C-alpha atoms as a PDB file:
ATOM      1  CA  MET A   1     380.061  70.187  98.025  1.00  0.00           C
ATOM      2  CA  ARG A   2     376.519  70.741  96.351  1.00  0.00           C
ATOM      3  CA  GLU A   3     377.132  72.359  92.544  1.00  0.00           C
ATOM      4  CA  ASP A   4     375.063  73.725  90.559  1.00  0.00           C
ATOM      5  CA  PHE A   5     376.497  73.951  86.872  1.00  0.00           C
ATOM      6  CA  PHE A   6     376.511  77.217  84.904  1.00  0.00           C
ATOM      7  CA  GLU A   7     378.898  79.342  82.716  1.00  0.00           C
ATOM      8  CA  GLY A   8     381.010  79.911  85.587  1.00  0.00           C
ATOM      9  CA  ASN A   9     380.205  79.083  89.493  1.00  0.00           C
ATOM     10  CA  ILE A  10     380.522  81.213  92.459  1.00  0.00           C
ATOM     11  CA  LEU A  11     381.985  79.282  95.654  1.00  0.00           C
ATOM     12  CA  THR A  12     380.434  79.812  99.161  1.00  0.00           C
ATOM     13  CA  TYR A  13     382.391  78.815 102.505  1.00  0.00           C
ATOM     14  CA  GLY A  14     380.535  78.497 105.832  1.00  0.00           C
ATOM     15  CA  ALA A  15     377.498  77.953 107.171  1.00  0.00           C
ATOM     16  CA  GLY A  16     374.594  80.576 106.575  1.00  0.00           C
ATOM     17  CA  GLY A  17     376.670  82.966 104.893  1.00  0.00           C
ATOM     18  CA  THR A  18     374.725  82.808 101.699  1.00  0.00           C
ATOM     19  CA  SER A  19     370.612  83.290 102.040  1.00  0.00           C
ATOM     20  CA  GLU A  20     368.205  81.609  99.340  1.00  0.00           C
ATOM     21  CA  ALA A  21     367.635  84.698  98.012  1.00  0.00           C
ATOM     22  CA  MET A  22     370.630  85.697  97.356  1.00  0.00           C
ATOM     23  CA  GLU A  23     371.457  82.647  95.966  1.00  0.00           C
ATOM     24  CA  CYS A  24     368.617  82.592  93.637  1.00  0.00           C
ATOM     25  CA  MET A  25     369.382  86.138  92.367  1.00  0.00           C
ATOM     26  CA  LEU A  26     373.187  84.850  91.634  1.00  0.00           C
ATOM     27  CA  LYS A  27     371.626  82.240  89.497  1.00  0.00           C
ATOM     28  CA  GLY A  28     369.232  84.577  87.653  1.00  0.00           C
ATOM     29  CA  SER A  29     372.328  86.526  86.975  1.00  0.00           C
ATOM     30  CA  GLY A  30     373.992  83.092  85.121  1.00  0.00           C
ATOM     31  CA  TYR A  31     376.005  81.990  87.662  1.00  0.00           C
ATOM     32  CA  GLY A  32     376.100  78.811  89.712  1.00  0.00           C
ATOM     33  CA  VAL A  33     376.422  78.524  93.129  1.00  0.00           C
ATOM     34  CA  VAL A  34     378.804  76.188  94.787  1.00  0.00           C
ATOM     35  CA  LYS A  35     378.670  75.825  98.727  1.00  0.00           C
ATOM     36  CA  THR A  36     381.138  74.082 101.337  1.00  0.00           C
ATOM     37  CA  GLU A  37     382.132  74.063 104.788  1.00  0.00           C
ATOM     38  CA  ASP A  38     385.273  72.189 104.386  1.00  0.00           C
ATOM     39  CA  ARG A  39     388.467  74.066 104.098  1.00  0.00           C
ATOM     40  CA  ARG A  40     390.316  71.383 102.056  1.00  0.00           C
ATOM     41  CA  GLU A  41     387.584  71.560  99.298  1.00  0.00           C
ATOM     42  CA  LEU A  42     387.526  75.197  99.653  1.00  0.00           C
ATOM     43  CA  LEU A  43     391.499  75.308  98.618  1.00  0.00           C
ATOM     44  CA  ALA A  44     391.451  72.169  96.140  1.00  0.00           C
ATOM     45  CA  ALA A  45     388.441  74.439  94.398  1.00  0.00           C
ATOM     46  CA  SER A  46     390.762  77.229  93.751  1.00  0.00           C
ATOM     47  CA  GLN A  47     392.705  75.350  91.151  1.00  0.00           C
ATOM     48  CA  ARG A  48     388.901  75.070  89.098  1.00  0.00           C
ATOM     49  CA  GLU A  49     388.636  76.999  86.210  1.00  0.00           C
ATOM     50  CA  ASP A  50     385.069  77.021  86.526  1.00  0.00           C
ATOM     51  CA  ILE A  51     384.843  78.530  89.890  1.00  0.00           C
ATOM     52  CA  LEU A  52     384.973  82.671  89.630  1.00  0.00           C
ATOM     53  CA  LEU A  53     384.835  84.610  92.432  1.00  0.00           C
ATOM     54  CA  PHE A  54     384.746  82.985  96.401  1.00  0.00           C
ATOM     55  CA  LEU A  55     382.624  84.154  99.367  1.00  0.00           C
ATOM     56  CA  VAL A  56     383.569  83.692 102.586  1.00  0.00           C
ATOM     57  CA  TYR A  57     381.320  83.696 105.422  1.00  0.00           C
ATOM     58  CA  PHE A  58     382.988  84.739 108.731  1.00  0.00           C
ATOM     59  CA  GLY A  59     379.927  83.698 111.084  1.00  0.00           C
ATOM     60  CA  GLU A  60     378.680  85.429 113.978  1.00  0.00           C
ATOM     61  CA  LYS A  61     381.108  84.172 116.792  1.00  0.00           C
ATOM     62  CA  PRO A  62     384.908  85.898 116.855  1.00  0.00           C
ATOM     63  CA  ARG A  63     385.664  82.289 116.995  1.00  0.00           C
ATOM     64  CA  GLU A  64     384.634  81.613 113.566  1.00  0.00           C
ATOM     65  CA  GLY A  65     385.666  84.883 112.473  1.00  0.00           C
ATOM     66  CA  THR A  66     389.562  84.041 113.324  1.00  0.00           C
ATOM     67  CA  ALA A  67     388.935  80.622 111.521  1.00  0.00           C
ATOM     68  CA  ALA A  68     387.668  82.380 108.462  1.00  0.00           C
ATOM     69  CA  LEU A  69     390.516  84.960 108.383  1.00  0.00           C
ATOM     70  CA  GLU A  70     392.912  82.420 108.372  1.00  0.00           C
ATOM     71  CA  CYS A  71     391.245  80.560 105.981  1.00  0.00           C
ATOM     72  CA  LEU A  72     390.921  83.821 103.744  1.00  0.00           C
ATOM     73  CA  THR A  73     394.559  84.444 104.017  1.00  0.00           C
ATOM     74  CA  GLN A  74     395.558  80.668 102.641  1.00  0.00           C
ATOM     75  CA  LEU A  75     392.877  80.909  99.927  1.00  0.00           C
ATOM     76  CA  ARG A  76     394.745  84.269  98.498  1.00  0.00           C
ATOM     77  CA  ARG A  77     398.077  82.701  98.735  1.00  0.00           C
ATOM     78  CA  GLU A  78     396.752  80.064  96.371  1.00  0.00           C
ATOM     79  CA  SER A  79     394.333  81.938  93.806  1.00  0.00           C
ATOM     80  CA  ARG A  80     393.893  85.415  92.821  1.00  0.00           C
ATOM     81  CA  LYS A  81     390.191  85.138  91.955  1.00  0.00           C
ATOM     82  CA  PRO A  82     387.914  87.840  93.657  1.00  0.00           C
ATOM     83  CA  VAL A  83     387.533  86.904  97.045  1.00  0.00           C
ATOM     84  CA  ILE A  84     384.454  88.500  99.188  1.00  0.00           C
ATOM     85  CA  ALA A  85     384.347  88.337 102.889  1.00  0.00           C
ATOM     86  CA  GLN A  86     380.767  88.126 104.185  1.00  0.00           C
ATOM     87  CA  LEU A  87     380.486  89.456 108.154  1.00  0.00           C
ATOM     88  CA  GLY A  88     378.032  87.942 110.101  1.00  0.00           C
ATOM     89  CA  GLY A  89     377.566  90.660 112.676  1.00  0.00           C
ATOM     90  CA  GLY A  90     378.457  94.115 112.939  1.00  0.00           C
ATOM     91  CA  ASN A  91     382.567  93.814 113.462  1.00  0.00           C
ATOM     92  CA  GLN A  92     384.361  96.697 111.480  1.00  0.00           C
ATOM     93  CA  THR A  93     387.295  95.850 112.479  1.00  0.00           C
ATOM     94  CA  LEU A  94     387.329  92.507 111.260  1.00  0.00           C
ATOM     95  CA  GLY A  95     386.058  93.859 108.381  1.00  0.00           C
ATOM     96  CA  ILE A  96     389.217  95.373 108.047  1.00  0.00           C
ATOM     97  CA  ARG A  97     391.459  92.690 108.720  1.00  0.00           C
ATOM     98  CA  ALA A  98     390.206  90.703 105.809  1.00  0.00           C
ATOM     99  CA  LEU A  99     390.662  93.403 103.399  1.00  0.00           C
ATOM    100  CA  ASN A 100     394.600  93.320 104.638  1.00  0.00           C
ATOM    101  CA  ALA A 101     394.357  89.671 104.506  1.00  0.00           C
ATOM    102  CA  GLY A 102     393.499  89.961 100.502  1.00  0.00           C
ATOM    103  CA  ALA A 103     390.070  90.090 100.572  1.00  0.00           C
ATOM    104  CA  ASP A 104     388.548  92.423  97.444  1.00  0.00           C
ATOM    105  CA  ASP A 105     385.309  93.690  98.908  1.00  0.00           C
ATOM    106  CA  VAL A 106     383.585  93.400 102.358  1.00  0.00           C
ATOM    107  CA  LEU A 107     379.967  92.692 102.957  1.00  0.00           C
ATOM    108  CA  ASP A 108     378.303  93.388 106.035  1.00  0.00           C
ATOM    109  CA  GLN A 109     374.910  93.408 107.427  1.00  0.00           C
ATOM    110  CA  ARG A 110     374.488  96.881 106.134  1.00  0.00           C
ATOM    111  CA  CYS A 111     374.611  95.664 102.597  1.00  0.00           C
ATOM    112  CA  SER A 112     371.201  95.297 100.835  1.00  0.00           C
ATOM    113  CA  LEU A 113     370.430  91.664  98.822  1.00  0.00           C
ATOM    114  CA  LEU A 114     370.806  93.774  95.880  1.00  0.00           C
ATOM    115  CA  GLU A 115     373.996  95.655  96.573  1.00  0.00           C
ATOM    116  CA  SER A 116     375.552  92.474  97.588  1.00  0.00           C
ATOM    117  CA  VAL A 117     374.631  90.681  94.458  1.00  0.00           C
ATOM    118  CA  ALA A 118     375.966  94.277  92.495  1.00  0.00           C
ATOM    119  CA  ARG A 119     379.203  94.050  94.310  1.00  0.00           C
ATOM    120  CA  VAL A 120     379.665  90.145  93.248  1.00  0.00           C
ATOM    121  CA  GLN A 121     378.822  91.378  89.804  1.00  0.00           C
ATOM    122  CA  ALA A 122     381.451  94.676  89.909  1.00  0.00           C
ATOM    123  CA  GLN A 123     384.114  92.092  91.050  1.00  0.00           C
ATOM    124  CA  LEU A 124     383.269  89.423  88.442  1.00  0.00           C
ATOM    125  CA  ARG A 125     383.588  92.780  85.734  1.00  0.00           C
ATOM    126  CA  GLY A 126     386.766  93.434  86.953  1.00  0.00           C
ATOM    127  CA  TYR A 127     388.213  89.852  86.771  1.00  0.00           C
ATOM    128  CA  ARG A 128     387.107  89.176  83.516  1.00  0.00           C
ATOM    129  CA  ARG A 129     388.390  92.737  82.267  1.00  0.00           C
ATOM    130  CA  LEU A 130     391.943  91.909  84.090  1.00  0.00           C
ATOM    131  CA  THR A 131     391.910  88.628  82.434  1.00  0.00           C
ATOM    132  CA  ARG A 132     391.452  89.590  78.621  1.00  0.00           C
ATOM    133  CA  ARG A 133     394.338  92.174  79.405  1.00  0.00           C
ATOM    134  CA  GLN A 134     396.470  88.956  80.473  1.00  0.00           C
ATOM    135  CA  GLU A 135     395.237  86.761  77.665  1.00  0.00           C
ATOM    136  CA  GLU A 136     395.944  89.439  75.365  1.00  0.00           C
ATOM    137  CA  LYS A 137     399.851  89.625  76.311  1.00  0.00           C
ATOM    138  CA  ARG A 138     400.205  86.073  76.031  1.00  0.00           C
ATOM    139  CA  TYR A 139     399.638  86.183  72.374  1.00  0.00           C
ATOM    140  CA  MET A 140     401.600  88.809  70.132  1.00  0.00           C
ATOM    141  CA  LYS A 141     401.529  89.523  66.597  1.00  0.00           C
ATOM    142  CA  LEU A 142     403.477  91.557  64.568  1.00  0.00           C
ATOM    143  CA  ASP A 143     403.619  91.599  60.834  1.00  0.00           C
ATOM    144  CA  GLY A 144     404.078  87.662  60.762  1.00  0.00           C
ATOM    145  CA  LEU A 145     406.208  87.395  63.687  1.00  0.00           C
ATOM    146  CA  GLU A 146     403.762  85.470  66.512  1.00  0.00           C
ATOM    147  CA  LEU A 147     404.720  85.095  69.905  1.00  0.00           C
ATOM    148  CA  ASP A 148     402.507  82.277  72.122  1.00  0.00           C
ATOM    149  CA  ASP A 149     403.258  82.911  75.670  1.00  0.00           C
ATOM    150  CA  MET A 150     401.140  80.169  76.568  1.00  0.00           C
ATOM    151  CA  ALA A 151     402.843  77.317  74.718  1.00  0.00           C
ATOM    152  CA  ARG A 152     406.304  79.276  74.676  1.00  0.00           C
ATOM    153  CA  GLN A 153     406.343  79.032  71.110  1.00  0.00           C
ATOM    154  CA  VAL A 154     407.667  81.514  68.118  1.00  0.00           C
ATOM    155  CA  SER A 155     406.496  81.570  64.617  1.00  0.00           C
ATOM    156  CA  VAL A 156     407.296  83.996  61.752  1.00  0.00           C
ATOM    157  CA  LYS A 157     405.050  83.633  58.909  1.00  0.00           C
ATOM    158  CA  GLY A 158     403.386  80.353  60.161  1.00  0.00           C
ATOM    159  CA  SER A 159     407.101  79.016  60.500  1.00  0.00           C
ATOM    160  CA  ARG A 160     408.133  77.742  63.910  1.00  0.00           C
ATOM    161  CA  VAL A 161     411.304  79.202  65.022  1.00  0.00           C
ATOM    162  CA  ASP A 162     413.393  77.233  68.068  1.00  0.00           C
ATOM    163  CA  LEU A 163     414.637  79.788  70.850  1.00  0.00           C
ATOM    164  CA  THR A 164     416.548  78.963  73.540  1.00  0.00           C
ATOM    165  CA  PRO A 165     414.886  80.279  76.881  1.00  0.00           C
ATOM    166  CA  THR A 166     417.333  83.230  77.390  1.00  0.00           C
ATOM    167  CA  GLU A 167     416.277  84.389  73.616  1.00  0.00           C
ATOM    168  CA  TYR A 168     412.704  83.886  74.153  1.00  0.00           C
ATOM    169  CA  ASN A 169     412.445  86.013  77.197  1.00  0.00           C
ATOM    170  CA  ILE A 170     414.337  89.196  75.386  1.00  0.00           C
ATOM    171  CA  LEU A 171     412.258  88.726  72.343  1.00  0.00           C
ATOM    172  CA  ARG A 172     409.000  88.716  74.447  1.00  0.00           C
ATOM    173  CA  LEU A 173     410.258  91.707  76.609  1.00  0.00           C
ATOM    174  CA  LEU A 174     410.582  93.913  73.401  1.00  0.00           C
ATOM    175  CA  LEU A 175     407.372  92.775  71.881  1.00  0.00           C
ATOM    176  CA  GLU A 176     405.631  93.693  75.019  1.00  0.00           C
ATOM    177  CA  ARG A 177     407.099  97.083  74.326  1.00  0.00           C
ATOM    178  CA  PRO A 178     406.991  97.395  70.395  1.00  0.00           C
ATOM    179  CA  GLY A 179     408.678 100.447  69.310  1.00  0.00           C
ATOM    180  CA  ARG A 180     410.273 101.304  72.348  1.00  0.00           C
ATOM    181  CA  VAL A 181     413.728 101.408  72.789  1.00  0.00           C
ATOM    182  CA  LEU A 182     415.323  99.262  75.791  1.00  0.00           C
ATOM    183  CA  SER A 183     419.225  99.768  76.699  1.00  0.00           C
ATOM    184  CA  ASN A 184     421.444  96.743  77.458  1.00  0.00           C
ATOM    185  CA  SER A 185     421.128  97.283  80.993  1.00  0.00           C
ATOM    186  CA  GLN A 186     417.680  97.672  81.159  1.00  0.00           C
ATOM    187  CA  ILE A 187     417.348  94.026  78.773  1.00  0.00           C
ATOM    188  CA  TYR A 188     419.752  92.601  81.009  1.00  0.00           C
ATOM    189  CA  GLU A 189     418.595  93.637  84.796  1.00  0.00           C
ATOM    190  CA  ARG A 190     414.925  92.152  83.560  1.00  0.00           C
ATOM    191  CA  ILE A 191     415.775  89.006  81.844  1.00  0.00           C
ATOM    192  CA  TRP A 192     418.905  87.852  84.397  1.00  0.00           C
ATOM    193  CA  LYS A 193     418.181  90.007  87.622  1.00  0.00           C
ATOM    194  CA  GLU A 194     421.225  90.610  87.860  1.00  0.00           C
ATOM    195  CA  SER A 195     423.566  94.392  88.005  1.00  0.00           C
ATOM    196  CA  PRO A 196     424.062  95.262  84.896  1.00  0.00           C
ATOM    197  CA  ILE A 197     428.033  95.303  84.858  1.00  0.00           C
ATOM    198  CA  GLY A 198     429.599  94.141  81.615  1.00  0.00           C
ATOM    199  CA  SER A 199     426.517  93.606  80.022  1.00  0.00           C
ATOM    200  CA  ASP A 200     426.551  94.876  76.356  1.00  0.00           C
ATOM    201  CA  ASN A 201     428.393  92.022  74.967  1.00  0.00           C
ATOM    202  CA  THR A 202     426.190  88.863  76.410  1.00  0.00           C
ATOM    203  CA  VAL A 203     422.883  91.412  75.548  1.00  0.00           C
ATOM    204  CA  ALA A 204     424.394  91.610  71.768  1.00  0.00           C
ATOM    205  CA  VAL A 205     425.321  87.760  71.545  1.00  0.00           C
ATOM    206  CA  HIS A 206     421.639  87.055  72.449  1.00  0.00           C
ATOM    207  CA  ILE A 207     420.438  89.686  69.974  1.00  0.00           C
ATOM    208  CA  ARG A 208     422.409  88.307  67.238  1.00  0.00           C
ATOM    209  CA  HIS A 209     421.186  84.787  67.779  1.00  0.00           C
ATOM    210  CA  ILE A 210     417.564  85.867  67.732  1.00  0.00           C
ATOM    211  CA  ARG A 211     418.062  87.717  64.586  1.00  0.00           C
ATOM    212  CA  GLU A 212     419.362  84.935  63.048  1.00  0.00           C
ATOM    213  CA  LYS A 213     416.131  82.745  63.626  1.00  0.00           C
ATOM    214  CA  ILE A 214     413.687  85.518  62.940  1.00  0.00           C
ATOM    215  CA  GLU A 215     415.003  87.610  60.466  1.00  0.00           C
ATOM    216  CA  GLU A 216     414.984  86.904  56.599  1.00  0.00           C
ATOM    217  CA  ASN A 217     417.958  89.153  56.319  1.00  0.00           C
ATOM    218  CA  PRO A 218     420.075  89.513  59.458  1.00  0.00           C
ATOM    219  CA  GLN A 219     422.011  92.161  58.087  1.00  0.00           C
ATOM    220  CA  GLU A 220     418.909  94.237  56.961  1.00  0.00           C
ATOM    221  CA  PRO A 221     416.685  93.383  60.275  1.00  0.00           C
ATOM    222  CA  ARG A 222     412.837  93.886  59.986  1.00  0.00           C
ATOM    223  CA  TYR A 223     411.609  93.149  63.320  1.00  0.00           C
ATOM    224  CA  LEU A 224     414.374  93.586  65.862  1.00  0.00           C
ATOM    225  CA  GLN A 225     416.508  96.565  65.262  1.00  0.00           C
ATOM    226  CA  VAL A 226     419.238  98.537  67.084  1.00  0.00           C
ATOM    227  CA  VAL A 227     419.387 102.143  68.212  1.00  0.00           C
ATOM    228  CA  TRP A 228     423.026 102.928  67.714  1.00  0.00           C
ATOM    229  CA  GLY A 229     424.460 104.433  71.674  1.00  0.00           C
ATOM    230  CA  GLN A 230     420.815 103.699  73.009  1.00  0.00           C
ATOM    231  CA  GLY A 231     419.753 100.104  72.605  1.00  0.00           C
ATOM    232  CA  TYR A 232     417.308  97.528  71.019  1.00  0.00           C
ATOM    233  CA  LYS A 233     413.456  97.994  69.644  1.00  0.00           C
ATOM    234  CA  VAL A 234     411.016  95.827  67.964  1.00  0.00           C
ATOM    235  CA  CYS A 235     409.751  97.808  64.988  1.00  0.00           C
ATOM    236  CA  CYS A 236     405.628  98.524  65.193  1.00  0.00           C
END
């Protein structure tokens, strides 16, 4: 595997998939290019943080296309990062199969060099926007109440609060929807993944325990409030 380290790398799989001109344009745009023809190296790279996008070349022969399709399918199970299929021939059916297998886009012989690079950049922009939104959801803050979903930690005014896994999941569920009322049944279904038969008391007990840990005065809660006859909400 050959590597050039930039802020992020694009991995190309398969011989002949990325021309020197395209590689130069990608590098000129600030991306490194990592090349491999080994499926094991490709799948291992799916866990690498420096890899931003995969280009999978389908070759000129039907046998090569079938093998690349199997590899793409396995890669999609391992990674959510953008995957672009590059068709070596004009087989449009293979392109459709690649999309059905999880490819985010398909480049064929009709795509110019400029269009191919532009499509790569478009996929990377979309992935970065998605990643930013996911990161924002991982860290939630509400007037002194903070939840770090990466560390699975909760703090109030800088002091760490120890919650049970179930208490943590309930609080995160409500913090993801500030101001929105969730009923006992909605909370139970989403946390316990079961039918909410007789769920009222179970949810109420957990809510009480959460209040005792995060509220200065559990009898007059600042964060976690009840809406009588409807359910619970986190005040925004």
